[in-house]
Amino acid sequence: MEKQNWKAFLYLLPALVFLGVFLVYPLIDVFIYSFEEGYSSASQSYFGIGLFNYEYVLHDPYFKQALINTFVLVIVTVPISTGIALMISLALNSVKKLRSFLQTIYFLPYVTNTIAVGMVFMVLFKETPYSQGVVNMLIQWVGLSPVDFMEGPWWAKMFVLCFYTIWIVMP
């Protein structure tokens, strides 16, 4: 029995070394660098050790906005994408005639190139000199004023980001 344990460990050794070198060591290294004040990557030197970097980041308004954006993105996209995925899976199990069509819709984001999806979203939401975007055309058709989804208000940009994230993570 002892011989088999060593054999199993030897089979795992290359993967463990790979994880150690490319995952564990960089994490520890970055954690150590985070306490070095005035670190210069060119000269590999620093002038002190402390919590200045953490204080600086926690008082940075861009960092606070990034935390808010991430929180909103997670709170909105996780429940919606999970709910839609559950509804699609229920539909796949209950409807026999449309099963292949629904499977195609469900796995389309998975097989579609991310750049192609980005281009489609640009056509949908970006205002160009030639068009206002498909979504803005629909908004105007209903009788509302168009919204600049790319350079406009925060909620419009978050809407596009949430919609894109839900589409991409659906499968």
C-alpha atoms as a PDB file:
ATOM      1  CA  MET A   1       0.000   0.000   0.000  1.00  0.00           C
ATOM      2  CA  GLU A   2       2.849   2.375   0.837  1.00  0.00           C
ATOM      3  CA  LYS A   3       4.400   1.838  -2.598  1.00  0.00           C
ATOM      4  CA  GLN A   4       1.172   2.919  -4.321  1.00  0.00           C
ATOM      5  CA  ASN A   5       1.046   6.153  -2.306  1.00  0.00           C
ATOM      6  CA  TRP A   6       4.524   7.109  -3.493  1.00  0.00           C
ATOM      7  CA  LYS A   7       3.578   6.217  -7.032  1.00  0.00           C
ATOM      8  CA  ALA A   8       0.492   8.435  -6.880  1.00  0.00           C
ATOM      9  CA  PHE A   9       2.564  11.275  -5.427  1.00  0.00           C
ATOM     10  CA  LEU A  10       5.118  10.948  -8.235  1.00  0.00           C
ATOM     11  CA  TYR A  11       2.315  11.171 -10.803  1.00  0.00           C
ATOM     12  CA  LEU A  12       1.056  14.349  -9.138  1.00  0.00           C
ATOM     13  CA  LEU A  13       4.493  15.894  -8.701  1.00  0.00           C
ATOM     14  CA  PRO A  14       4.732  17.643 -12.122  1.00  0.00           C
ATOM     15  CA  ALA A  15       1.299  19.263 -11.631  1.00  0.00           C
ATOM     16  CA  LEU A  16       2.183  20.297  -8.068  1.00  0.00           C
ATOM     17  CA  VAL A  17       5.495  21.816  -9.204  1.00  0.00           C
ATOM     18  CA  PHE A  18       3.717  23.650 -12.029  1.00  0.00           C
ATOM     19  CA  LEU A  19       1.103  25.058  -9.606  1.00  0.00           C
ATOM     20  CA  GLY A  20       3.787  26.000  -7.123  1.00  0.00           C
ATOM     21  CA  VAL A  21       5.944  27.813  -9.650  1.00  0.00           C
ATOM     22  CA  PHE A  22       3.198  29.577 -11.603  1.00  0.00           C
ATOM     23  CA  LEU A  23       0.509  30.112  -8.937  1.00  0.00           C
ATOM     24  CA  VAL A  24       1.751  29.917  -5.360  1.00  0.00           C
ATOM     25  CA  TYR A  25       5.123  31.650  -5.772  1.00  0.00           C
ATOM     26  CA  PRO A  26       3.723  34.678  -7.695  1.00  0.00           C
ATOM     27  CA  LEU A  27       0.949  35.110  -5.100  1.00  0.00           C
ATOM     28  CA  ILE A  28       3.438  35.115  -2.239  1.00  0.00           C
ATOM     29  CA  ASP A  29       5.787  37.408  -4.183  1.00  0.00           C
ATOM     30  CA  VAL A  30       3.062  39.965  -4.922  1.00  0.00           C
ATOM     31  CA  PHE A  31       1.904  39.849  -1.307  1.00  0.00           C
ATOM     32  CA  ILE A  32       5.448  40.686  -0.167  1.00  0.00           C
ATOM     33  CA  TYR A  33       5.759  43.467  -2.788  1.00  0.00           C
ATOM     34  CA  SER A  34       2.495  44.984  -1.582  1.00  0.00           C
ATOM     35  CA  PHE A  35       4.148  45.971   1.712  1.00  0.00           C
ATOM     36  CA  GLU A  36       7.223  47.524   0.081  1.00  0.00           C
ATOM     37  CA  GLU A  37       6.916  51.300  -0.142  1.00  0.00           C
ATOM     38  CA  GLY A  38       8.377  53.061  -3.154  1.00  0.00           C
ATOM     39  CA  TYR A  39       9.161  49.839  -4.974  1.00  0.00           C
ATOM     40  CA  SER A  40      10.933  50.299  -8.305  1.00  0.00           C
ATOM     41  CA  SER A  41      10.747  47.342 -10.649  1.00  0.00           C
ATOM     42  CA  ALA A  42      13.604  48.720 -12.754  1.00  0.00           C
ATOM     43  CA  SER A  43      16.132  48.777  -9.934  1.00  0.00           C
ATOM     44  CA  GLN A  44      14.404  46.141  -7.775  1.00  0.00           C
ATOM     45  CA  SER A  45      14.651  48.459  -4.782  1.00  0.00           C
ATOM     46  CA  TYR A  46      12.338  50.050  -2.243  1.00  0.00           C
ATOM     47  CA  PHE A  47      12.762  52.518   0.592  1.00  0.00           C
ATOM     48  CA  GLY A  48      10.491  51.153   3.302  1.00  0.00           C
ATOM     49  CA  ILE A  49       8.075  48.544   4.512  1.00  0.00           C
ATOM     50  CA  GLY A  50       4.585  49.377   5.691  1.00  0.00           C
ATOM     51  CA  LEU A  51       0.908  49.721   4.915  1.00  0.00           C
ATOM     52  CA  PHE A  52       1.144  52.861   2.754  1.00  0.00           C
ATOM     53  CA  ASN A  53       0.102  51.047  -0.434  1.00  0.00           C
ATOM     54  CA  TYR A  54      -3.049  49.728   1.218  1.00  0.00           C
ATOM     55  CA  GLU A  55      -3.885  53.133   2.704  1.00  0.00           C
ATOM     56  CA  TYR A  56      -3.384  54.757  -0.687  1.00  0.00           C
ATOM     57  CA  VAL A  57      -5.619  52.272  -2.488  1.00  0.00           C
ATOM     58  CA  LEU A  58      -8.373  52.437   0.128  1.00  0.00           C
ATOM     59  CA  HIS A  59      -8.524  56.243  -0.189  1.00  0.00           C
ATOM     60  CA  ASP A  60      -8.410  56.255  -3.993  1.00  0.00           C
ATOM     61  CA  PRO A  61     -11.799  57.256  -5.477  1.00  0.00           C
ATOM     62  CA  TYR A  62     -11.189  55.102  -8.579  1.00  0.00           C
ATOM     63  CA  PHE A  63     -10.687  52.047  -6.389  1.00  0.00           C
ATOM     64  CA  LYS A  64     -13.894  52.774  -4.486  1.00  0.00           C
ATOM     65  CA  GLN A  65     -15.782  53.159  -7.774  1.00  0.00           C
ATOM     66  CA  ALA A  66     -14.302  49.897  -9.033  1.00  0.00           C
ATOM     67  CA  LEU A  67     -15.508  48.133  -5.881  1.00  0.00           C
ATOM     68  CA  ILE A  68     -19.006  49.578  -6.332  1.00  0.00           C
ATOM     69  CA  ASN A  69     -19.068  48.584 -10.015  1.00  0.00           C
ATOM     70  CA  THR A  70     -17.913  45.055  -9.198  1.00  0.00           C
ATOM     71  CA  PHE A  71     -20.486  44.721  -6.410  1.00  0.00           C
ATOM     72  CA  VAL A  72     -23.326  45.894  -8.681  1.00  0.00           C
ATOM     73  CA  LEU A  73     -22.139  43.631 -11.490  1.00  0.00           C
ATOM     74  CA  VAL A  74     -22.107  40.567  -9.229  1.00  0.00           C
ATOM     75  CA  ILE A  75     -25.403  41.378  -7.498  1.00  0.00           C
ATOM     76  CA  VAL A  76     -27.190  41.883 -10.834  1.00  0.00           C
ATOM     77  CA  THR A  77     -25.618  39.305 -13.130  1.00  0.00           C
ATOM     78  CA  VAL A  78     -25.317  36.232 -10.904  1.00  0.00           C
ATOM     79  CA  PRO A  79     -29.015  35.887  -9.979  1.00  0.00           C
ATOM     80  CA  ILE A  80     -30.262  36.839 -13.445  1.00  0.00           C
ATOM     81  CA  SER A  81     -27.900  34.521 -15.325  1.00  0.00           C
ATOM     82  CA  THR A  82     -28.643  31.681 -12.914  1.00  0.00           C
ATOM     83  CA  GLY A  83     -32.391  32.210 -13.255  1.00  0.00           C
ATOM     84  CA  ILE A  84     -32.274  32.374 -17.045  1.00  0.00           C
ATOM     85  CA  ALA A  85     -30.069  29.266 -17.173  1.00  0.00           C
ATOM     86  CA  LEU A  86     -32.552  27.391 -14.969  1.00  0.00           C
ATOM     87  CA  MET A  87     -35.486  28.498 -17.122  1.00  0.00           C
ATOM     88  CA  ILE A  88     -33.706  27.397 -20.292  1.00  0.00           C
ATOM     89  CA  SER A  89     -32.822  24.026 -18.761  1.00  0.00           C
ATOM     90  CA  LEU A  90     -36.460  23.531 -17.710  1.00  0.00           C
ATOM     91  CA  ALA A  91     -37.552  24.446 -21.215  1.00  0.00           C
ATOM     92  CA  LEU A  92     -35.063  21.980 -22.678  1.00  0.00           C
ATOM     93  CA  ASN A  93     -36.498  19.195 -20.555  1.00  0.00           C
ATOM     94  CA  SER A  94     -40.166  20.006 -21.085  1.00  0.00           C
ATOM     95  CA  VAL A  95     -40.388  20.922 -24.777  1.00  0.00           C
ATOM     96  CA  LYS A  96     -39.427  18.051 -27.058  1.00  0.00           C
ATOM     97  CA  LYS A  97     -40.086  19.707 -30.436  1.00  0.00           C
ATOM     98  CA  LEU A  98     -37.949  22.818 -29.836  1.00  0.00           C
ATOM     99  CA  ARG A  99     -35.163  21.090 -27.908  1.00  0.00           C
ATOM    100  CA  SER A 100     -32.472  21.504 -30.596  1.00  0.00           C
ATOM    101  CA  PHE A 101     -33.426  25.162 -31.174  1.00  0.00           C
ATOM    102  CA  LEU A 102     -33.271  25.930 -27.452  1.00  0.00           C
ATOM    103  CA  GLN A 103     -29.961  24.098 -27.104  1.00  0.00           C
ATOM    104  CA  THR A 104     -28.560  26.210 -29.924  1.00  0.00           C
ATOM    105  CA  ILE A 105     -29.692  29.412 -28.217  1.00  0.00           C
ATOM    106  CA  TYR A 106     -28.321  28.241 -24.893  1.00  0.00           C
ATOM    107  CA  PHE A 107     -24.857  27.335 -26.185  1.00  0.00           C
ATOM    108  CA  LEU A 108     -24.526  30.156 -28.719  1.00  0.00           C
ATOM    109  CA  PRO A 109     -22.576  32.444 -26.348  1.00  0.00           C
ATOM    110  CA  TYR A 110     -20.198  29.595 -25.596  1.00  0.00           C
ATOM    111  CA  VAL A 111     -19.241  28.919 -29.211  1.00  0.00           C
ATOM    112  CA  THR A 112     -19.309  32.535 -30.375  1.00  0.00           C
ATOM    113  CA  ASN A 113     -16.031  34.419 -30.454  1.00  0.00           C
ATOM    114  CA  THR A 114     -15.830  37.113 -27.763  1.00  0.00           C
ATOM    115  CA  ILE A 115     -14.714  39.704 -30.309  1.00  0.00           C
ATOM    116  CA  ALA A 116     -17.721  38.914 -32.490  1.00  0.00           C
ATOM    117  CA  VAL A 117     -20.053  39.298 -29.515  1.00  0.00           C
ATOM    118  CA  GLY A 118     -18.360  42.620 -28.715  1.00  0.00           C
ATOM    119  CA  MET A 119     -18.927  43.796 -32.282  1.00  0.00           C
ATOM    120  CA  VAL A 120     -22.605  42.846 -32.080  1.00  0.00           C
ATOM    121  CA  PHE A 121     -22.954  44.746 -28.819  1.00  0.00           C
ATOM    122  CA  MET A 122     -21.241  47.735 -30.404  1.00  0.00           C
ATOM    123  CA  VAL A 123     -23.828  47.717 -33.197  1.00  0.00           C
ATOM    124  CA  LEU A 124     -26.596  47.414 -30.614  1.00  0.00           C
ATOM    125  CA  PHE A 125     -25.482  50.144 -28.212  1.00  0.00           C
ATOM    126  CA  LYS A 126     -22.841  52.449 -29.733  1.00  0.00           C
ATOM    127  CA  GLU A 127     -23.839  55.692 -31.392  1.00  0.00           C
ATOM    128  CA  THR A 128     -21.895  56.340 -34.601  1.00  0.00           C
ATOM    129  CA  PRO A 129     -22.082  59.124 -37.206  1.00  0.00           C
ATOM    130  CA  TYR A 130     -24.144  56.765 -39.351  1.00  0.00           C
ATOM    131  CA  SER A 131     -26.556  55.317 -36.783  1.00  0.00           C
ATOM    132  CA  GLN A 132     -27.714  55.731 -33.217  1.00  0.00           C
ATOM    133  CA  GLY A 133     -27.521  52.044 -32.406  1.00  0.00           C
ATOM    134  CA  VAL A 134     -30.287  49.495 -32.652  1.00  0.00           C
ATOM    135  CA  VAL A 135     -31.343  49.848 -29.017  1.00  0.00           C
ATOM    136  CA  ASN A 136     -31.635  53.634 -29.319  1.00  0.00           C
ATOM    137  CA  MET A 137     -33.679  53.233 -32.479  1.00  0.00           C
ATOM    138  CA  LEU A 138     -36.076  50.988 -30.555  1.00  0.00           C
ATOM    139  CA  ILE A 139     -36.170  53.450 -27.658  1.00  0.00           C
ATOM    140  CA  GLN A 140     -37.054  56.289 -30.032  1.00  0.00           C
ATOM    141  CA  TRP A 141     -39.673  54.118 -31.754  1.00  0.00           C
ATOM    142  CA  VAL A 142     -41.410  53.743 -28.375  1.00  0.00           C
ATOM    143  CA  GLY A 143     -41.297  57.534 -27.971  1.00  0.00           C
ATOM    144  CA  LEU A 144     -38.496  57.976 -25.430  1.00  0.00           C
ATOM    145  CA  SER A 145     -35.304  59.964 -25.818  1.00  0.00           C
ATOM    146  CA  PRO A 146     -32.118  58.087 -26.843  1.00  0.00           C
ATOM    147  CA  VAL A 147     -29.446  57.203 -24.305  1.00  0.00           C
ATOM    148  CA  ASP A 148     -25.698  57.282 -24.886  1.00  0.00           C
ATOM    149  CA  PHE A 149     -24.791  53.840 -23.577  1.00  0.00           C
ATOM    150  CA  MET A 150     -21.033  54.205 -24.071  1.00  0.00           C
ATOM    151  CA  GLU A 151     -20.250  57.723 -22.852  1.00  0.00           C
ATOM    152  CA  GLY A 152     -23.469  58.509 -21.018  1.00  0.00           C
ATOM    153  CA  PRO A 153     -24.634  58.020 -17.450  1.00  0.00           C
ATOM    154  CA  TRP A 154     -23.246  55.389 -15.108  1.00  0.00           C
ATOM    155  CA  TRP A 155     -26.437  53.311 -15.095  1.00  0.00           C
ATOM    156  CA  ALA A 156     -26.427  53.038 -18.904  1.00  0.00           C
ATOM    157  CA  LYS A 157     -22.845  51.775 -18.972  1.00  0.00           C
ATOM    158  CA  MET A 158     -23.584  49.330 -16.167  1.00  0.00           C
ATOM    159  CA  PHE A 159     -26.656  48.096 -18.054  1.00  0.00           C
ATOM    160  CA  VAL A 160     -24.552  47.282 -21.116  1.00  0.00           C
ATOM    161  CA  LEU A 161     -21.859  45.623 -18.998  1.00  0.00           C
ATOM    162  CA  CYS A 162     -24.415  43.535 -17.087  1.00  0.00           C
ATOM    163  CA  PHE A 163     -26.215  42.536 -20.281  1.00  0.00           C
ATOM    164  CA  TYR A 164     -22.916  41.561 -21.916  1.00  0.00           C
ATOM    165  CA  THR A 165     -21.794  39.587 -18.856  1.00  0.00           C
ATOM    166  CA  ILE A 166     -25.088  37.713 -18.654  1.00  0.00           C
ATOM    167  CA  TRP A 167     -24.839  36.844 -22.341  1.00  0.00           C
ATOM    168  CA  ILE A 168     -21.230  35.661 -22.107  1.00  0.00           C
ATOM    169  CA  VAL A 169     -21.586  33.549 -18.940  1.00  0.00           C
ATOM    170  CA  MET A 170     -24.905  31.954 -19.910  1.00  0.00           C
ATOM    171  CA  PRO A 171     -23.540  28.492 -20.858  1.00  0.00           C
END
